[in-house]
Structures are given as C-alpha cells and as structure tokens.
PDB file of N, CA and C in Angstrom:
ATOM      1  N   ARG A   1      78.822 119.137 118.570  1.00  0.00           N
ATOM      2  CA  ARG A   1      79.527 117.867 118.382  1.00  0.00           C
ATOM      3  C   ARG A   1      80.933 118.110 117.890  1.00  0.00           C
ATOM      4  N   ARG A   2      81.757 117.086 118.084  1.00  0.00           N
ATOM      5  CA  ARG A   2      83.153 117.177 117.684  1.00  0.00           C
ATOM      6  C   ARG A   2      83.492 116.006 116.768  1.00  0.00           C
ATOM      7  N   PHE A   3      84.664 116.099 116.179  1.00  0.00           N
ATOM      8  CA  PHE A   3      85.172 115.028 115.323  1.00  0.00           C
ATOM      9  C   PHE A   3      85.214 113.711 116.095  1.00  0.00           C
ATOM     10  N   ASN A   4      84.852 112.621 115.428  1.00  0.00           N
ATOM     11  CA  ASN A   4      84.831 111.294 116.042  1.00  0.00           C
ATOM     12  C   ASN A   4      85.953 110.453 115.432  1.00  0.00           C
ATOM     13  N   SER A   5      86.978 110.151 116.210  1.00  0.00           N
ATOM     14  CA  SER A   5      88.134 109.412 115.682  1.00  0.00           C
ATOM     15  C   SER A   5      87.787 107.984 115.265  1.00  0.00           C
ATOM     16  N   ALA A   6      86.658 107.449 115.709  1.00  0.00           N
ATOM     17  CA  ALA A   6      86.235 106.105 115.296  1.00  0.00           C
ATOM     18  C   ALA A   6      85.927 106.057 113.800  1.00  0.00           C
ATOM     19  N   TRP A   7      85.686 107.206 113.201  1.00  0.00           N
ATOM     20  CA  TRP A   7      85.407 107.236 111.761  1.00  0.00           C
ATOM     21  C   TRP A   7      86.627 106.820 110.950  1.00  0.00           C
ATOM     22  N   PHE A   8      87.824 106.958 111.521  1.00  0.00           N
ATOM     23  CA  PHE A   8      89.027 106.481 110.834  1.00  0.00           C
ATOM     24  C   PHE A   8      88.943 104.984 110.569  1.00  0.00           C
ATOM     25  N   ASP A   9      88.427 104.229 111.529  1.00  0.00           N
ATOM     26  CA  ASP A   9      88.286 102.780 111.348  1.00  0.00           C
ATOM     27  C   ASP A   9      87.238 102.458 110.302  1.00  0.00           C
ATOM     28  N   GLU A  10      86.147 103.185 110.351  1.00  0.00           N
ATOM     29  CA  GLU A  10      85.039 102.902 109.435  1.00  0.00           C
ATOM     30  C   GLU A  10      85.351 103.311 107.995  1.00  0.00           C
ATOM     31  N   TYR A  11      86.079 104.390 107.824  1.00  0.00           N
ATOM     32  CA  TYR A  11      86.372 104.916 106.480  1.00  0.00           C
ATOM     33  C   TYR A  11      87.880 105.010 106.246  1.00  0.00           C
ATOM     34  N   ARG A  12      88.626 104.018 106.699  1.00  0.00           N
ATOM     35  CA  ARG A  12      90.091 104.067 106.675  1.00  0.00           C
ATOM     36  C   ARG A  12      90.697 104.161 105.281  1.00  0.00           C
ATOM     37  N   ASN A  13      89.972 103.755 104.242  1.00  0.00           N
ATOM     38  CA  ASN A  13      90.521 103.785 102.883  1.00  0.00           C
ATOM     39  C   ASN A  13      90.672 105.192 102.326  1.00  0.00           C
ATOM     40  N   TRP A  14      89.945 106.135 102.890  1.00  0.00           N
ATOM     41  CA  TRP A  14      89.953 107.455 102.270  1.00  0.00           C
ATOM     42  C   TRP A  14      89.881 108.624 103.240  1.00  0.00           C
ATOM     43  N   PHE A  15      89.505 108.417 104.455  1.00  0.00           N
ATOM     44  CA  PHE A  15      89.207 109.488 105.399  1.00  0.00           C
ATOM     45  C   PHE A  15      90.475 110.156 105.913  1.00  0.00           C
ATOM     46  N   GLU A  16      90.557 111.466 105.773  1.00  0.00           N
ATOM     47  CA  GLU A  16      91.668 112.255 106.297  1.00  0.00           C
ATOM     48  C   GLU A  16      91.090 113.380 107.142  1.00  0.00           C
ATOM     49  N   TYR A  17      91.752 113.662 108.241  1.00  0.00           N
ATOM     50  CA  TYR A  17      91.289 114.728 109.136  1.00  0.00           C
ATOM     51  C   TYR A  17      92.392 115.758 109.332  1.00  0.00           C
ATOM     52  N   SER A  18      92.035 117.025 109.202  1.00  0.00           N
ATOM     53  CA  SER A  18      92.969 118.126 109.428  1.00  0.00           C
ATOM     54  C   SER A  18      92.669 118.744 110.791  1.00  0.00           C
ATOM     55  N   ILE A  19      93.630 118.627 111.697  1.00  0.00           N
ATOM     56  CA  ILE A  19      93.463 119.225 113.024  1.00  0.00           C
ATOM     57  C   ILE A  19      93.394 120.744 112.893  1.00  0.00           C
ATOM     58  N   LYS A  20      94.255 121.282 112.043  1.00  0.00           N
ATOM     59  CA  LYS A  20      94.327 122.737 111.865  1.00  0.00           C
ATOM     60  C   LYS A  20      92.988 123.315 111.393  1.00  0.00           C
ATOM     61  N   LYS A  21      92.341 122.621 110.447  1.00  0.00           N
ATOM     62  CA  LYS A  21      91.082 123.120 109.895  1.00  0.00           C
ATOM     63  C   LYS A  21      89.856 122.533 110.585  1.00  0.00           C
ATOM     64  N   ASP A  22      90.079 121.566 111.488  1.00  0.00           N
ATOM     65  CA  ASP A  22      88.987 120.843 112.139  1.00  0.00           C
ATOM     66  C   ASP A  22      87.975 120.389 111.090  1.00  0.00           C
ATOM     67  N   ALA A  23      88.506 119.714 110.075  1.00  0.00           N
ATOM     68  CA  ALA A  23      87.665 119.286 108.963  1.00  0.00           C
ATOM     69  C   ALA A  23      88.163 117.962 108.409  1.00  0.00           C
ATOM     70  N   ALA A  24      87.250 117.246 107.776  1.00  0.00           N
ATOM     71  CA  ALA A  24      87.578 115.968 107.145  1.00  0.00           C
ATOM     72  C   ALA A  24      87.653 116.156 105.639  1.00  0.00           C
ATOM     73  N   PHE A  25      88.476 115.325 105.008  1.00  0.00           N
ATOM     74  CA  PHE A  25      88.638 115.353 103.561  1.00  0.00           C
ATOM     75  C   PHE A  25      88.663 113.930 103.037  1.00  0.00           C
ATOM     76  N   CYS A  26      88.348 113.781 101.764  1.00  0.00           N
ATOM     77  CA  CYS A  26      88.463 112.486 101.097  1.00  0.00           C
ATOM     78  C   CYS A  26      89.780 112.503 100.325  1.00  0.00           C
ATOM     79  N   LEU A  27      90.737 111.704 100.781  1.00  0.00           N
ATOM     80  CA  LEU A  27      92.052 111.678 100.148  1.00  0.00           C
ATOM     81  C   LEU A  27      91.951 111.296  98.674  1.00  0.00           C
ATOM     82  N   CYS A  28      91.178 110.270  98.364  1.00  0.00           N
ATOM     83  CA  CYS A  28      91.067 109.795  96.974  1.00  0.00           C
ATOM     84  C   CYS A  28      90.457 110.856  96.067  1.00  0.00           C
ATOM     85  N   CYS A  29      89.361 111.456  96.520  1.00  0.00           N
ATOM     86  CA  CYS A  29      88.713 112.482  95.697  1.00  0.00           C
ATOM     87  C   CYS A  29      89.585 113.731  95.592  1.00  0.00           C
ATOM     88  N   TYR A  30      90.355 114.022  96.631  1.00  0.00           N
ATOM     89  CA  TYR A  30      91.267 115.158  96.570  1.00  0.00           C
ATOM     90  C   TYR A  30      92.351 114.919  95.524  1.00  0.00           C
ATOM     91  N   LEU A  31      92.929 113.716  95.526  1.00  0.00           N
ATOM     92  CA  LEU A  31      94.001 113.406  94.583  1.00  0.00           C
ATOM     93  C   LEU A  31      93.514 113.356  93.145  1.00  0.00           C
ATOM     94  N   PHE A  32      92.294 112.855  92.952  1.00  0.00           N
ATOM     95  CA  PHE A  32      91.774 112.664  91.600  1.00  0.00           C
ATOM     96  C   PHE A  32      90.554 113.534  91.342  1.00  0.00           C
ATOM     97  N   LYS A  33      90.515 114.721  91.946  1.00  0.00           N
ATOM     98  CA  LYS A  33      89.323 115.561  91.848  1.00  0.00           C
ATOM     99  C   LYS A  33      89.052 116.057  90.434  1.00  0.00           C
ATOM    100  N   GLN A  34      90.048 116.061  89.570  1.00  0.00           N
ATOM    101  CA  GLN A  34      89.801 116.478  88.191  1.00  0.00           C
ATOM    102  C   GLN A  34      88.838 115.527  87.497  1.00  0.00           C
ATOM    103  N   ASN A  35      88.690 114.314  88.025  1.00  0.00           N
ATOM    104  CA  ASN A  35      87.764 113.344  87.446  1.00  0.00           C
ATOM    105  C   ASN A  35      86.340 113.530  87.952  1.00  0.00           C
ATOM    106  N   ILE A  36      86.145 114.376  88.959  1.00  0.00           N
ATOM    107  CA  ILE A  36      84.809 114.570  89.530  1.00  0.00           C
ATOM    108  C   ILE A  36      84.082 115.615  88.711  1.00  0.00           C
ATOM    109  N   ARG A  37      83.036 115.196  88.026  1.00  0.00           N
ATOM    110  CA  ARG A  37      82.289 116.103  87.152  1.00  0.00           C
ATOM    111  C   ARG A  37      80.997 116.586  87.795  1.00  0.00           C
ATOM    112  N   ASP A  38      80.450 115.807  88.687  1.00  0.00           N
ATOM    113  CA  ASP A  38      79.254 116.268  89.386  1.00  0.00           C
ATOM    114  C   ASP A  38      79.586 116.397  90.866  1.00  0.00           C
ATOM    115  N   HIS A  39      78.627 116.744  91.632  1.00  0.00           N
ATOM    116  CA  HIS A  39      78.874 116.950  93.053  1.00  0.00           C
ATOM    117  C   HIS A  39      78.195 115.868  93.867  1.00  0.00           C
ATOM    118  N   GLN A  40      78.293 114.653  93.417  1.00  0.00           N
ATOM    119  CA  GLN A  40      77.705 113.507  94.103  1.00  0.00           C
ATOM    120  C   GLN A  40      78.215 113.440  95.526  1.00  0.00           C
ATOM    121  N   GLY A  41      77.315 113.358  96.448  1.00  0.00           N
ATOM    122  CA  GLY A  41      77.691 113.174  97.841  1.00  0.00           C
ATOM    123  C   GLY A  41      78.527 114.304  98.409  1.00  0.00           C
ATOM    124  N   GLY A  42      78.286 115.535  97.974  1.00  0.00           N
ATOM    125  CA  GLY A  42      79.067 116.652  98.493  1.00  0.00           C
ATOM    126  C   GLY A  42      80.514 116.562  98.084  1.00  0.00           C
ATOM    127  N   GLY A  43      80.767 116.298  96.806  1.00  0.00           N
ATOM    128  CA  GLY A  43      82.124 116.111  96.314  1.00  0.00           C
ATOM    129  C   GLY A  43      83.083 117.207  96.722  1.00  0.00           C
ATOM    130  N   ASP A  44      82.689 118.479  96.561  1.00  0.00           N
ATOM    131  CA  ASP A  44      83.577 119.584  96.911  1.00  0.00           C
ATOM    132  C   ASP A  44      83.817 119.679  98.410  1.00  0.00           C
ATOM    133  N   SER A  45      82.817 119.307  99.206  1.00  0.00           N
ATOM    134  CA  SER A  45      83.002 119.422 100.655  1.00  0.00           C
ATOM    135  C   SER A  45      84.010 118.408 101.171  1.00  0.00           C
ATOM    136  N   PHE A  46      84.354 117.425 100.370  1.00  0.00           N
ATOM    137  CA  PHE A  46      85.347 116.443 100.787  1.00  0.00           C
ATOM    138  C   PHE A  46      86.665 116.609 100.041  1.00  0.00           C
ATOM    139  N   THR A  47      86.777 117.651  99.218  1.00  0.00           N
ATOM    140  CA  THR A  47      88.023 117.864  98.474  1.00  0.00           C
ATOM    141  C   THR A  47      88.571 119.257  98.758  1.00  0.00           C
ATOM    142  N   SER A  48      88.213 120.234  97.948  1.00  0.00           N
ATOM    143  CA  SER A  48      88.792 121.570  98.080  1.00  0.00           C
ATOM    144  C   SER A  48      88.205 122.350  99.250  1.00  0.00           C
ATOM    145  N   GLU A  49      86.957 122.104  99.556  1.00  0.00           N
ATOM    146  CA  GLU A  49      86.360 122.778 100.710  1.00  0.00           C
ATOM    147  C   GLU A  49      86.615 121.900 101.927  1.00  0.00           C
ATOM    148  N   ARG A  50      85.658 121.749 102.779  1.00  0.00           N
ATOM    149  CA  ARG A  50      85.862 120.900 103.950  1.00  0.00           C
ATOM    150  C   ARG A  50      84.542 120.346 104.444  1.00  0.00           C
ATOM    151  N   PHE A  51      84.641 119.226 105.117  1.00  0.00           N
ATOM    152  CA  PHE A  51      83.480 118.648 105.782  1.00  0.00           C
ATOM    153  C   PHE A  51      83.717 118.766 107.274  1.00  0.00           C
ATOM    154  N   SER A  52      82.864 119.531 107.954  1.00  0.00           N
ATOM    155  CA  SER A  52      83.035 119.689 109.399  1.00  0.00           C
ATOM    156  C   SER A  52      81.705 119.679 110.140  1.00  0.00           C
ATOM    157  N   ASN A  53      80.665 119.226 109.472  1.00  0.00           N
ATOM    158  CA  ASN A  53      79.362 119.127 110.118  1.00  0.00           C
ATOM    159  C   ASN A  53      79.282 117.770 110.806  1.00  0.00           C
ATOM    160  N   TRP A  54      79.827 117.694 112.007  1.00  0.00           N
ATOM    161  CA  TRP A  54      79.988 116.416 112.701  1.00  0.00           C
ATOM    162  C   TRP A  54      78.664 115.789 113.103  1.00  0.00           C
ATOM    163  N   LYS A  55      77.572 116.524 113.004  1.00  0.00           N
ATOM    164  CA  LYS A  55      76.255 115.979 113.347  1.00  0.00           C
ATOM    165  C   LYS A  55      75.700 115.107 112.231  1.00  0.00           C
ATOM    166  N   GLU A  56      76.223 115.251 111.032  1.00  0.00           N
ATOM    167  CA  GLU A  56      75.644 114.574 109.873  1.00  0.00           C
ATOM    168  C   GLU A  56      76.572 113.495 109.326  1.00  0.00           C
ATOM    169  N   LYS A  57      76.746 112.439 110.101  1.00  0.00           N
ATOM    170  CA  LYS A  57      77.598 111.323 109.684  1.00  0.00           C
ATOM    171  C   LYS A  57      77.076 110.670 108.400  1.00  0.00           C
ATOM    172  N   GLU A  58      75.765 110.732 108.183  1.00  0.00           N
ATOM    173  CA  GLU A  58      75.198 110.109 106.977  1.00  0.00           C
ATOM    174  C   GLU A  58      75.753 110.731 105.703  1.00  0.00           C
ATOM    175  N   LYS A  59      76.292 111.947 105.786  1.00  0.00           N
ATOM    176  CA  LYS A  59      76.907 112.554 104.597  1.00  0.00           C
ATOM    177  C   LYS A  59      78.167 111.804 104.189  1.00  0.00           C
ATOM    178  N   LEU A  60      78.822 111.161 105.143  1.00  0.00           N
ATOM    179  CA  LEU A  60      79.987 110.341 104.809  1.00  0.00           C
ATOM    180  C   LEU A  60      79.554 109.158 103.952  1.00  0.00           C
ATOM    181  N   LYS A  61      78.461 108.507 104.344  1.00  0.00           N
ATOM    182  CA  LYS A  61      77.939 107.379 103.565  1.00  0.00           C
ATOM    183  C   LYS A  61      77.451 107.851 102.205  1.00  0.00           C
ATOM    184  N   LYS A  62      76.811 109.020 102.183  1.00  0.00           N
ATOM    185  CA  LYS A  62      76.331 109.573 100.913  1.00  0.00           C
ATOM    186  C   LYS A  62      77.511 109.872  99.988  1.00  0.00           C
ATOM    187  N   HIS A  63      78.600 110.361 100.567  1.00  0.00           N
ATOM    188  CA  HIS A  63      79.787 110.651  99.758  1.00  0.00           C
ATOM    189  C   HIS A  63      80.326 109.381  99.102  1.00  0.00           C
ATOM    190  N   VAL A  64      80.376 108.288  99.862  1.00  0.00           N
ATOM    191  CA  VAL A  64      80.877 107.021  99.320  1.00  0.00           C
ATOM    192  C   VAL A  64      79.989 106.565  98.174  1.00  0.00           C
ATOM    193  N   GLY A  65      78.676 106.622  98.348  1.00  0.00           N
ATOM    194  CA  GLY A  65      77.742 106.255  97.290  1.00  0.00           C
ATOM    195  C   GLY A  65      77.766 104.777  96.964  1.00  0.00           C
ATOM    196  N   GLY A  66      77.247 104.441  95.788  1.00  0.00           N
ATOM    197  CA  GLY A  66      77.156 103.053  95.342  1.00  0.00           C
ATOM    198  C   GLY A  66      78.441 102.555  94.710  1.00  0.00           C
ATOM    199  N   PRO A  67      78.421 101.309  94.239  1.00  0.00           N
ATOM    200  CA  PRO A  67      79.626 100.683  93.665  1.00  0.00           C
ATOM    201  C   PRO A  67      80.235 101.448  92.487  1.00  0.00           C
ATOM    202  N   SER A  68      79.424 102.142  91.705  1.00  0.00           N
ATOM    203  CA  SER A  68      79.969 102.858  90.542  1.00  0.00           C
ATOM    204  C   SER A  68      80.023 104.370  90.775  1.00  0.00           C
ATOM    205  N   SER A  69      79.976 104.788  92.032  1.00  0.00           N
ATOM    206  CA  SER A  69      80.008 106.220  92.344  1.00  0.00           C
ATOM    207  C   SER A  69      81.365 106.822  91.972  1.00  0.00           C
ATOM    208  N   ILE A  70      81.384 108.118  91.857  1.00  0.00           N
ATOM    209  CA  ILE A  70      82.630 108.813  91.543  1.00  0.00           C
ATOM    210  C   ILE A  70      83.663 108.565  92.633  1.00  0.00           C
ATOM    211  N   HIS A  71      83.218 108.559  93.892  1.00  0.00           N
ATOM    212  CA  HIS A  71      84.147 108.287  94.992  1.00  0.00           C
ATOM    213  C   HIS A  71      84.801 106.921  94.814  1.00  0.00           C
ATOM    214  N   ASN A  72      84.004 105.908  94.497  1.00  0.00           N
ATOM    215  CA  ASN A  72      84.567 104.563  94.339  1.00  0.00           C
ATOM    216  C   ASN A  72      85.475 104.468  93.121  1.00  0.00           C
ATOM    217  N   GLN A  73      85.214 105.275  92.104  1.00  0.00           N
ATOM    218  CA  GLN A  73      86.125 105.323  90.954  1.00  0.00           C
ATOM    219  C   GLN A  73      87.464 105.934  91.367  1.00  0.00           C
ATOM    220  N   THR A  74      87.418 107.007  92.160  1.00  0.00           N
ATOM    221  CA  THR A  74      88.672 107.615  92.608  1.00  0.00           C
ATOM    222  C   THR A  74      89.392 106.703  93.600  1.00  0.00           C
ATOM    223  N   LEU A  75      88.633 105.932  94.374  1.00  0.00           N
ATOM    224  CA  LEU A  75      89.244 104.966  95.293  1.00  0.00           C
ATOM    225  C   LEU A  75      90.025 103.911  94.507  1.00  0.00           C
ATOM    226  N   LYS A  76      89.465 103.459  93.377  1.00  0.00           N
ATOM    227  CA  LYS A  76      90.181 102.507  92.516  1.00  0.00           C
ATOM    228  C   LYS A  76      91.470 103.134  91.984  1.00  0.00           C
ATOM    229  N   ASN A  77      91.401 104.419  91.614  1.00  0.00           N
ATOM    230  CA  ASN A  77      92.600 105.117  91.138  1.00  0.00           C
ATOM    231  C   ASN A  77      93.664 105.186  92.230  1.00  0.00           C
ATOM    232  N   CYS A  78      93.243 105.430  93.463  1.00  0.00           N
ATOM    233  CA  CYS A  78      94.193 105.462  94.589  1.00  0.00           C
ATOM    234  C   CYS A  78      94.838 104.104  94.796  1.00  0.00           C
ATOM    235  N   LYS A  79      94.033 103.057  94.746  1.00  0.00           N
ATOM    236  CA  LYS A  79      94.570 101.710  94.945  1.00  0.00           C
ATOM    237  C   LYS A  79      95.560 101.364  93.841  1.00  0.00           C
ATOM    238  N   ALA A  80      95.250 101.767  92.612  1.00  0.00           N
ATOM    239  CA  ALA A  80      96.172 101.516  91.500  1.00  0.00           C
ATOM    240  C   ALA A  80      97.474 102.283  91.704  1.00  0.00           C
ATOM    241  N   LEU A  81      97.369 103.494  92.217  1.00  0.00           N
ATOM    242  CA  LEU A  81      98.559 104.301  92.476  1.00  0.00           C
ATOM    243  C   LEU A  81      99.434 103.657  93.542  1.00  0.00           C
ATOM    244  N   MET A  82      98.809 103.065  94.536  1.00  0.00           N
ATOM    245  CA  MET A  82      99.548 102.448  95.631  1.00  0.00           C
ATOM    246  C   MET A  82     100.000 101.021  95.319  1.00  0.00           C
ATOM    247  N   ASN A  83      99.529 100.473  94.220  1.00  0.00           N
ATOM    248  CA  ASN A  83      99.886  99.111  93.828  1.00  0.00           C
ATOM    249  C   ASN A  83     101.392  99.040  93.570  1.00  0.00           C
ATOM    250  N   GLN A  84     102.043  98.056  94.153  1.00  0.00           N
ATOM    251  CA  GLN A  84     103.501  97.942  94.046  1.00  0.00           C
ATOM    252  C   GLN A  84     103.961  97.841  92.598  1.00  0.00           C
ATOM    253  N   ASN A  85     103.167  97.245  91.730  1.00  0.00           N
ATOM    254  CA  ASN A  85     103.568  97.123  90.328  1.00  0.00           C
ATOM    255  C   ASN A  85     103.646  98.477  89.636  1.00  0.00           C
ATOM    256  N   GLN A  86     103.068  99.492  90.227  1.00  0.00           N
ATOM    257  CA  GLN A  86     103.087 100.822  89.635  1.00  0.00           C
ATOM    258  C   GLN A  86     104.278 101.654  90.104  1.00  0.00           C
ATOM    259  N   TYR A  87     104.995 101.198  91.117  1.00  0.00           N
ATOM    260  CA  TYR A  87     106.109 101.982  91.640  1.00  0.00           C
ATOM    261  C   TYR A  87     107.215 102.128  90.605  1.00  0.00           C
ATOM    262  N   ILE A  88     107.854 103.255  90.633  1.00  0.00           N
ATOM    263  CA  ILE A  88     108.935 103.539  89.689  1.00  0.00           C
ATOM    264  C   ILE A  88     110.079 102.547  89.856  1.00  0.00           C
ATOM    265  N   LYS A  89     110.409 102.177  91.104  1.00  0.00           N
ATOM    266  CA  LYS A  89     111.494 101.221  91.332  1.00  0.00           C
ATOM    267  C   LYS A  89     111.216  99.908  90.615  1.00  0.00           C
ATOM    268  N   THR A  90     109.981  99.454  90.687  1.00  0.00           N
ATOM    269  CA  THR A  90     109.617  98.196  90.041  1.00  0.00           C
ATOM    270  C   THR A  90     109.760  98.317  88.533  1.00  0.00           C
ATOM    271  N   ILE A  91     109.312  99.423  87.988  1.00  0.00           N
ATOM    272  CA  ILE A  91     109.395  99.636  86.541  1.00  0.00           C
ATOM    273  C   ILE A  91     110.857  99.703  86.100  1.00  0.00           C
ATOM    274  N   ILE A  92     111.679 100.437  86.847  1.00  0.00           N
ATOM    275  CA  ILE A  92     113.103 100.543  86.503  1.00  0.00           C
ATOM    276  C   ILE A  92     113.777  99.183  86.610  1.00  0.00           C
ATOM    277  N   SER A  93     113.435  98.426  87.633  1.00  0.00           N
ATOM    278  CA  SER A  93     114.011  97.090  87.804  1.00  0.00           C
ATOM    279  C   SER A  93     113.656  96.195  86.617  1.00  0.00           C
ATOM    280  N   LYS A  94     112.397  96.246  86.183  1.00  0.00           N
ATOM    281  CA  LYS A  94     111.975  95.440  85.030  1.00  0.00           C
ATOM    282  C   LYS A  94     112.732  95.863  83.781  1.00  0.00           C
ATOM    283  N   GLN A  95     112.888  97.185  83.592  1.00  0.00           N
ATOM    284  CA  GLN A  95     113.603  97.669  82.412  1.00  0.00           C
ATOM    285  C   GLN A  95     115.070  97.263  82.465  1.00  0.00           C
ATOM    286  N   SER A  96     115.667  97.274  83.655  1.00  0.00           N
ATOM    287  CA  SER A  96     117.067  96.857  83.795  1.00  0.00           C
ATOM    288  C   SER A  96     117.230  95.385  83.446  1.00  0.00           C
ATOM    289  N   LYS A  97     116.306  94.555  83.909  1.00  0.00           N
ATOM    290  CA  LYS A  97     116.359  93.124  83.594  1.00  0.00           C
ATOM    291  C   LYS A  97     116.201  92.900  82.093  1.00  0.00           C
ATOM    292  N   GLN A  98     115.315  93.676  81.471  1.00  0.00           N
ATOM    293  CA  GLN A  98     115.136  93.559  80.024  1.00  0.00           C
ATOM    294  C   GLN A  98     116.416  93.964  79.295  1.00  0.00           C
ATOM    295  N   ALA A  99     117.063  95.021  79.772  1.00  0.00           N
ATOM    296  CA  ALA A  99     118.303  95.482  79.134  1.00  0.00           C
ATOM    297  C   ALA A  99     119.386  94.421  79.240  1.00  0.00           C
ATOM    298  N   VAL A 100     119.489  93.750  80.384  1.00  0.00           N
ATOM    299  CA  VAL A 100     120.477  92.680  80.555  1.00  0.00           C
ATOM    300  C   VAL A 100     120.190  91.552  79.576  1.00  0.00           C
ATOM    301  N   CYS A 101     118.932  91.169  79.447  1.00  0.00           N
ATOM    302  CA  CYS A 101     118.559  90.095  78.513  1.00  0.00           C
ATOM    303  C   CYS A 101     118.876  90.479  77.072  1.00  0.00           C
ATOM    304  N   ILE A 102     118.580  91.710  76.722  1.00  0.00           N
ATOM    305  CA  ILE A 102     118.854  92.172  75.355  1.00  0.00           C
ATOM    306  C   ILE A 102     120.357  92.171  75.096  1.00  0.00           C
ATOM    307  N   ASN A 103     121.142  92.634  76.060  1.00  0.00           N
ATOM    308  CA  ASN A 103     122.606  92.621  75.905  1.00  0.00           C
ATOM    309  C   ASN A 103     123.129  91.203  75.751  1.00  0.00           C
ATOM    310  N   CYS A 104     122.557  90.260  76.494  1.00  0.00           N
ATOM    311  CA  CYS A 104     122.964  88.854  76.363  1.00  0.00           C
ATOM    312  C   CYS A 104     122.654  88.340  74.960  1.00  0.00           C
ATOM    313  N   LEU A 105     121.493  88.683  74.450  1.00  0.00           N
ATOM    314  CA  LEU A 105     121.109  88.231  73.108  1.00  0.00           C
ATOM    315  C   LEU A 105     122.037  88.806  72.042  1.00  0.00           C
ATOM    316  N   TYR A 106     122.440  90.070  72.206  1.00  0.00           N
ATOM    317  CA  TYR A 106     123.341  90.682  71.236  1.00  0.00           C
ATOM    318  C   TYR A 106     124.737  90.079  71.308  1.00  0.00           C
ATOM    319  N   SER A 107     125.168  89.631  72.469  1.00  0.00           N
ATOM    320  CA  SER A 107     126.523  89.088  72.599  1.00  0.00           C
ATOM    321  C   SER A 107     126.627  87.654  72.090  1.00  0.00           C
ATOM    322  N   VAL A 108     125.533  86.913  72.030  1.00  0.00           N
ATOM    323  CA  VAL A 108     125.563  85.523  71.552  1.00  0.00           C
ATOM    324  C   VAL A 108     126.026  85.437  70.102  1.00  0.00           C
ATOM    325  N   PRO A 109     125.482  86.195  69.151  1.00  0.00           N
ATOM    326  CA  PRO A 109     125.966  86.096  67.766  1.00  0.00           C
ATOM    327  C   PRO A 109     127.435  86.472  67.631  1.00  0.00           C
ATOM    328  N   PHE A 110     127.913  87.427  68.420  1.00  0.00           N
ATOM    329  CA  PHE A 110     129.319  87.809  68.361  1.00  0.00           C
ATOM    330  C   PHE A 110     130.198  86.635  68.786  1.00  0.00           C
ATOM    331  N   THR A 111     129.809  85.939  69.818  1.00  0.00           N
ATOM    332  CA  THR A 111     130.568  84.785  70.297  1.00  0.00           C
ATOM    333  C   THR A 111     130.587  83.686  69.247  1.00  0.00           C
ATOM    334  N   ILE A 112     129.501  83.480  68.553  1.00  0.00           N
ATOM    335  CA  ILE A 112     129.426  82.443  67.524  1.00  0.00           C
ATOM    336  C   ILE A 112     130.292  82.837  66.325  1.00  0.00           C
ATOM    337  N   ARG A 113     130.253  84.116  65.939  1.00  0.00           N
ATOM    338  CA  ARG A 113     131.020  84.574  64.790  1.00  0.00           C
ATOM    339  C   ARG A 113     132.506  84.657  65.092  1.00  0.00           C
ATOM    340  N   ALA A 114     132.874  84.975  66.302  1.00  0.00           N
ATOM    341  CA  ALA A 114     134.286  85.147  66.645  1.00  0.00           C
ATOM    342  C   ALA A 114     134.635  84.223  67.805  1.00  0.00           C
ATOM    343  N   PRO A 115     134.811  82.933  67.507  1.00  0.00           N
ATOM    344  CA  PRO A 115     135.108  81.989  68.589  1.00  0.00           C
ATOM    345  C   PRO A 115     136.456  82.299  69.227  1.00  0.00           C
ATOM    346  N   ILE A 116     136.552  81.960  70.483  1.00  0.00           N
ATOM    347  CA  ILE A 116     137.785  82.200  71.236  1.00  0.00           C
ATOM    348  C   ILE A 116     138.817  81.146  70.847  1.00  0.00           C
ATOM    349  N   SER A 117     140.036  81.588  70.617  1.00  0.00           N
ATOM    350  CA  SER A 117     141.125  80.672  70.279  1.00  0.00           C
ATOM    351  C   SER A 117     141.721  80.134  71.568  1.00  0.00           C
ATOM    352  N   TRP A 118     141.852  78.812  71.649  1.00  0.00           N
ATOM    353  CA  TRP A 118     142.368  78.172  72.864  1.00  0.00           C
ATOM    354  C   TRP A 118     143.853  77.832  72.740  1.00  0.00           C
ATOM    355  N   SER A 119     144.491  78.262  71.718  1.00  0.00           N
ATOM    356  CA  SER A 119     145.899  77.894  71.549  1.00  0.00           C
ATOM    357  C   SER A 119     146.857  78.833  72.193  1.00  0.00           C
TER     358      SER A 119
END
C-alpha cells in the first residue's frame, strides 16, 4: 500500500506528510512533544520517528484518541499558537496603543499646570 492523500482531508488539523521520508507526522505532537509523557497512540511514531505503515489507518484514529488525549492537548496548544491574539504584531500594537494613552495621561496635568498664554 501507499500513502493516501485523502487522509489530509480527514486529519487536516495535524497531518503532515514527508515525500522524502515517505512517512506521516503529527505536526501538533511534533511541535509540543516535550509535553508527551506516555506513548499514547504511537506518540513517537508520529513525532521523532515516522508513521509509514499505510495498511493500518486505524493507528491514525488511535493516535488522536479521546477528548482529553495527549494529541488533543497538543492540538489545543497549536490552535492557541495560531490564534491571532497571540501574534507578536498584535501584542506590539496593543502595547503601542497603551503607550500612547499613557503619554496622553501624562501630558494632561502639564497642560493644566502650564496653561498656554493667548496674548
């Protein structure tokens, strides 16, 4: 058997395929593999090693596991990483807006203490 590209649709949130290695990997578990303490669902075969046993599609489902599985925890971490509110640009923009507001607040007392002369 060979790799089935339809699996991209079924497991699009995490499934990565390496043509060079002819193997599949779990992107989420690879990125957050330090959080994987057990080998639920062949954890290593989807991270540092490889999954290339194309006859055993059920191992993909086993890897995903239940709602509180390690895979689903790493999937949440991936989604949080991709969340726009987490982007550095957004954080810098928020900090810039805060700095403008703080500067405005500091300039108000100066204006009150030193009124402009209109003469």
